[in-house]
N, C-alpha and C. Protein backbone atom coordinates (compact mmCIF):
# COMPACT_ATOMS: atom_id res chain seq x y z
N UNK A 1 0.96 -1.13 0.14
CA UNK A 1 0.13 0.09 0.00
C UNK A 1 0.94 1.45 -0.04
N UNK A 2 0.77 2.26 -1.04
CA UNK A 2 1.14 3.39 -0.55
C UNK A 2 0.27 4.53 0.05
N UNK A 3 1.44 5.15 0.73
CA UNK A 3 0.66 6.30 1.54
C UNK A 3 0.96 7.70 0.59
N UNK A 4 0.24 8.90 1.18
CA UNK A 4 0.48 9.84 0.57
C UNK A 4 0.64 11.17 1.59
N UNK A 5 1.20 12.24 1.36
CA UNK A 5 1.19 13.34 2.13
C UNK A 5 1.24 14.58 1.72
N UNK A 6 0.09 15.18 1.44
CA UNK A 6 -0.17 16.31 0.28
C UNK A 6 -0.20 17.35 1.40
N UNK A 7 0.42 18.70 0.65
CA UNK A 7 0.42 20.19 0.94
C UNK A 7 -0.16 20.75 0.09
N UNK A 8 -1.21 21.13 -0.01
CA UNK A 8 -1.57 21.92 -1.48
C UNK A 8 -2.05 23.56 -0.92
N UNK A 9 -1.23 24.42 -1.87
CA UNK A 9 -1.86 26.04 -1.21
C UNK A 9 -1.96 26.87 -2.23
N UNK A 10 -2.76 27.87 -2.02
CA UNK A 10 -3.51 28.47 -3.54
C UNK A 10 -3.69 28.06 -4.65
N UNK A 11 -4.74 26.97 -4.44
CA UNK A 11 -5.12 25.93 -5.65
C UNK A 11 -6.22 26.39 -6.26
N UNK A 12 -7.26 25.65 -7.01
CA UNK A 12 -8.30 25.98 -7.25
C UNK A 12 -8.62 24.29 -7.23
N UNK A 13 -9.82 23.76 -6.57
CA UNK A 13 -10.07 22.36 -7.04
C UNK A 13 -11.37 22.66 -7.25
N UNK A 14 -11.96 22.28 -8.60
CA UNK A 14 -13.69 22.77 -8.60
C UNK A 14 -13.71 21.44 -9.96
N UNK A 15 -15.03 20.97 -9.85
CA UNK A 15 -15.71 20.16 -10.71
C UNK A 15 -14.56 18.68 -11.13
N UNK A 16 -14.05 18.69 -10.18
CA UNK A 16 -12.90 17.24 -10.08
C UNK A 16 -14.00 16.03 -9.68
N UNK A 17 -13.38 14.75 -9.90
CA UNK A 17 -13.83 13.63 -9.43
C UNK A 17 -12.98 12.64 -9.08
N UNK A 18 -13.20 12.21 -7.83
CA UNK A 18 -12.30 11.37 -7.49
C UNK A 18 -12.05 10.12 -7.97
N UNK A 19 -11.00 9.18 -7.75
CA UNK A 19 -11.01 8.30 -8.30
C UNK A 19 -11.33 7.00 -7.28
N UNK A 20 -12.25 7.09 -6.30
CA UNK A 20 -12.62 5.95 -5.72
C UNK A 20 -13.64 4.96 -6.35
N UNK A 21 -13.66 5.06 -7.46
CA UNK A 21 -15.08 4.20 -7.86
C UNK A 21 -15.93 4.24 -7.26
N UNK A 22 -16.31 5.23 -6.30
CA UNK A 22 -17.77 5.32 -6.11
C UNK A 22 -18.52 6.31 -6.42
N UNK A 23 -18.27 7.27 -7.52
CA UNK A 23 -18.78 8.15 -8.54
C UNK A 23 -19.38 9.54 -7.37
N UNK A 24 -18.35 9.76 -6.50
CA UNK A 24 -18.13 10.52 -5.48
C UNK A 24 -17.59 11.84 -6.21
N UNK A 25 -18.23 13.21 -5.84
CA UNK A 25 -17.68 14.42 -6.34
C UNK A 25 -17.06 15.18 -5.22
N UNK A 26 -16.34 14.30 -4.61
CA UNK A 26 -15.36 14.94 -3.67
C UNK A 26 -14.43 15.40 -4.35
N UNK A 27 -13.74 16.66 -4.07
CA UNK A 27 -12.54 16.99 -5.07
C UNK A 27 -11.22 16.77 -4.22
N UNK A 28 -11.24 16.34 -3.04
CA UNK A 28 -10.11 15.27 -2.81
C UNK A 28 -10.65 14.11 -2.19
N UNK A 29 -9.81 13.25 -2.45
CA UNK A 29 -9.96 11.92 -2.01
C UNK A 29 -9.08 11.44 -1.17
N UNK A 30 -8.74 10.78 0.08
CA UNK A 30 -7.59 10.18 0.54
C UNK A 30 -8.20 9.03 1.38
N UNK A 31 -7.60 8.02 1.76
CA UNK A 31 -7.60 6.89 2.45
C UNK A 31 -7.28 6.97 3.89
N UNK A 32 -7.23 6.05 4.64
CA UNK A 32 -6.78 5.98 6.14
C UNK A 32 -5.26 6.11 6.08
N UNK A 33 -4.58 5.38 5.00
CA UNK A 33 -3.20 5.83 5.10
C UNK A 33 -2.46 6.98 4.41
N UNK A 34 -3.58 8.08 4.05
CA UNK A 34 -3.18 9.39 3.40
C UNK A 34 -3.10 10.61 4.42
N UNK A 35 -2.71 11.57 4.14
CA UNK A 35 -3.36 12.92 5.00
C UNK A 35 -2.70 13.97 3.63
N UNK A 36 -3.58 15.04 4.28
CA UNK A 36 -3.71 16.40 3.12
C UNK A 36 -3.72 17.59 4.15
N UNK A 37 -3.17 18.41 3.89
CA UNK A 37 -3.20 19.80 4.14
C UNK A 37 -3.47 20.76 3.20
N UNK A 38 -4.63 21.53 2.97
CA UNK A 38 -5.20 22.31 2.13
C UNK A 38 -5.34 23.86 2.56
N UNK A 39 -4.63 24.81 2.31
CA UNK A 39 -4.76 26.28 2.67
C UNK A 39 -4.87 27.02 1.72
N UNK A 40 -5.59 28.19 1.74
CA UNK A 40 -5.76 29.50 0.98
C UNK A 40 -5.99 28.92 -0.42
N UNK A 41 -6.96 28.27 -0.85
CA UNK A 41 -7.70 27.25 -1.97
C UNK A 41 -8.77 27.50 -1.89
N UNK A 42 -9.66 27.34 -3.06
CA UNK A 42 -11.18 27.49 -3.50
C UNK A 42 -10.86 25.92 -3.73
N UNK A 43 -11.92 25.43 -3.21
CA UNK A 43 -12.43 23.69 -3.14
C UNK A 43 -13.98 23.78 -3.04
N UNK A 44 -14.74 22.88 -4.20
CA UNK A 44 -15.88 23.14 -4.24
C UNK A 44 -16.71 22.03 -3.35
N UNK A 45 -17.41 22.53 -2.44
CA UNK A 45 -17.76 21.53 -1.35
C UNK A 45 -17.16 22.02 -0.07
N UNK A 46 -16.15 22.62 -0.13
CA UNK A 46 -15.36 23.20 0.98
C UNK A 46 -14.45 22.32 1.63
N UNK A 47 -13.52 22.58 2.09
CA UNK A 47 -12.58 22.02 2.97
C UNK A 47 -11.86 22.81 4.14
N UNK A 48 -11.60 21.98 5.18
CA UNK A 48 -11.11 22.66 6.27
C UNK A 48 -9.32 23.31 5.98
N UNK A 49 -9.20 24.41 6.72
CA UNK A 49 -7.98 25.13 6.64
C UNK A 49 -8.11 26.61 6.40
N UNK A 50 -6.94 27.05 6.70
CA UNK A 50 -6.74 28.36 6.52
C UNK A 50 -6.75 28.86 5.52
N UNK A 51 -7.75 30.01 5.25
CA UNK A 51 -7.82 30.79 3.66
C UNK A 51 -8.57 29.94 2.93
N UNK A 52 -9.02 28.92 3.19
CA UNK A 52 -10.01 28.33 1.90
C UNK A 52 -11.33 28.80 1.92
N UNK A 53 -11.83 28.66 0.39
CA UNK A 53 -13.30 29.34 0.20
C UNK A 53 -13.82 28.25 -0.40
N UNK A 54 -14.96 28.17 -0.65
CA UNK A 54 -15.75 27.68 -1.43
C UNK A 54 -17.07 28.48 -1.97
N UNK A 55 -16.24 28.90 -3.48
CA UNK A 55 -17.30 30.10 -4.32
C UNK A 55 -16.65 29.59 -5.64
N UNK A 56 -17.91 29.72 -6.57
CA UNK A 56 -17.46 29.36 -7.82
C UNK A 56 -16.22 30.39 -8.20
N UNK A 57 -15.38 29.90 -9.12
CA UNK A 57 -14.05 30.63 -9.32
C UNK A 57 -14.22 31.72 -10.24
N UNK A 58 -15.00 31.65 -11.53
CA UNK A 58 -15.56 32.46 -12.70
C UNK A 58 -14.53 32.42 -13.46
N UNK A 59 -14.04 31.30 -14.16
CA UNK A 59 -13.67 31.31 -15.16
C UNK A 59 -14.14 31.71 -16.65
N UNK A 60 -13.22 32.06 -17.37
CA UNK A 60 -13.62 32.62 -18.80
C UNK A 60 -14.32 31.69 -19.43
N UNK A 61 -14.01 30.45 -19.72
CA UNK A 61 -14.88 29.78 -20.88
C UNK A 61 -14.43 28.46 -20.66
N UNK A 62 -15.08 27.20 -19.63
CA UNK A 62 -15.14 26.17 -19.71
C UNK A 62 -15.08 25.05 -20.66
N UNK A 63 -15.99 25.67 -21.57
CA UNK A 63 -16.53 24.88 -22.43
C UNK A 63 -15.15 24.78 -23.51
N UNK A 64 -14.50 26.08 -23.59
CA UNK A 64 -13.66 26.13 -24.50
C UNK A 64 -12.15 25.57 -23.78
N UNK A 65 -12.34 25.31 -22.50
CA UNK A 65 -11.05 24.58 -21.34
C UNK A 65 -9.90 25.74 -21.53
N UNK A 66 -10.52 27.23 -21.19
CA UNK A 66 -9.78 28.49 -20.88
C UNK A 66 -10.38 28.82 -19.21
N UNK A 67 -9.30 28.34 -18.50
CA UNK A 67 -9.64 28.33 -17.43
C UNK A 67 -8.98 29.72 -16.21
N UNK A 68 -8.61 30.61 -17.31
CA UNK A 68 -8.27 31.68 -16.87
C UNK A 68 -9.20 32.40 -15.88
N UNK A 69 -9.04 33.12 -14.83
CA UNK A 69 -10.17 33.77 -13.81
C UNK A 69 -10.57 35.08 -14.68
N UNK A 70 -11.65 35.36 -14.72
CA UNK A 70 -12.34 36.64 -15.03
C UNK A 70 -12.19 37.58 -13.83
N UNK A 71 -12.29 39.09 -14.15
CA UNK A 71 -12.12 40.02 -13.24
C UNK A 71 -13.52 39.92 -12.16
N UNK A 72 -13.21 40.25 -11.12
CA UNK A 72 -14.31 39.69 -10.28
C UNK A 72 -14.47 38.53 -9.29
N UNK A 73 -13.24 37.59 -10.13
CA UNK A 73 -13.55 36.32 -9.36
C UNK A 73 -13.00 36.22 -7.74
N UNK A 74 -13.80 35.64 -7.18
CA UNK A 74 -13.29 35.49 -5.73
C UNK A 74 -11.95 35.33 -5.50
N UNK A 75 -11.44 34.34 -6.39
CA UNK A 75 -10.09 33.36 -6.38
C UNK A 75 -9.19 34.56 -6.21
N UNK A 76 -9.21 35.85 -7.15
CA UNK A 76 -8.03 36.81 -7.51
C UNK A 76 -7.89 37.21 -6.03
N UNK A 77 -6.34 37.54 -5.75
CA UNK A 77 -6.10 37.66 -4.48
C UNK A 77 -6.49 37.55 -3.15
N UNK A 78 -6.83 35.78 -3.35
CA UNK A 78 -7.21 35.22 -2.42
C UNK A 78 -6.49 34.24 -1.49
N UNK A 79 -5.27 34.39 -2.58
CA UNK A 79 -4.60 33.37 -1.84
C UNK A 79 -3.28 33.98 -0.74
N UNK A 80 -2.27 33.03 -0.39
CA UNK A 80 -1.47 33.61 0.42
C UNK A 80 0.08 33.53 -0.29
N UNK A 81 1.02 35.07 -0.54
CA UNK A 81 1.84 35.15 -1.02
C UNK A 81 2.84 34.68 -0.24
């Protein structure tokens, strides 16, 4: 069995699907052998951690795979430099 210890900072996790095989829409999947710390990130459904938000990031055009942020996005300047 492989374990993972992840530290994620200043990121956007939105509309991902985990690979658990359960069809879960959880943005982060981990088992009992893994741990993670997420800070100053936008995570759909929310995630505990300092500075995290749960707000639509306002991408330019997801249908055209343009994931730049539009002006007024709650993610702009929400990270920790």
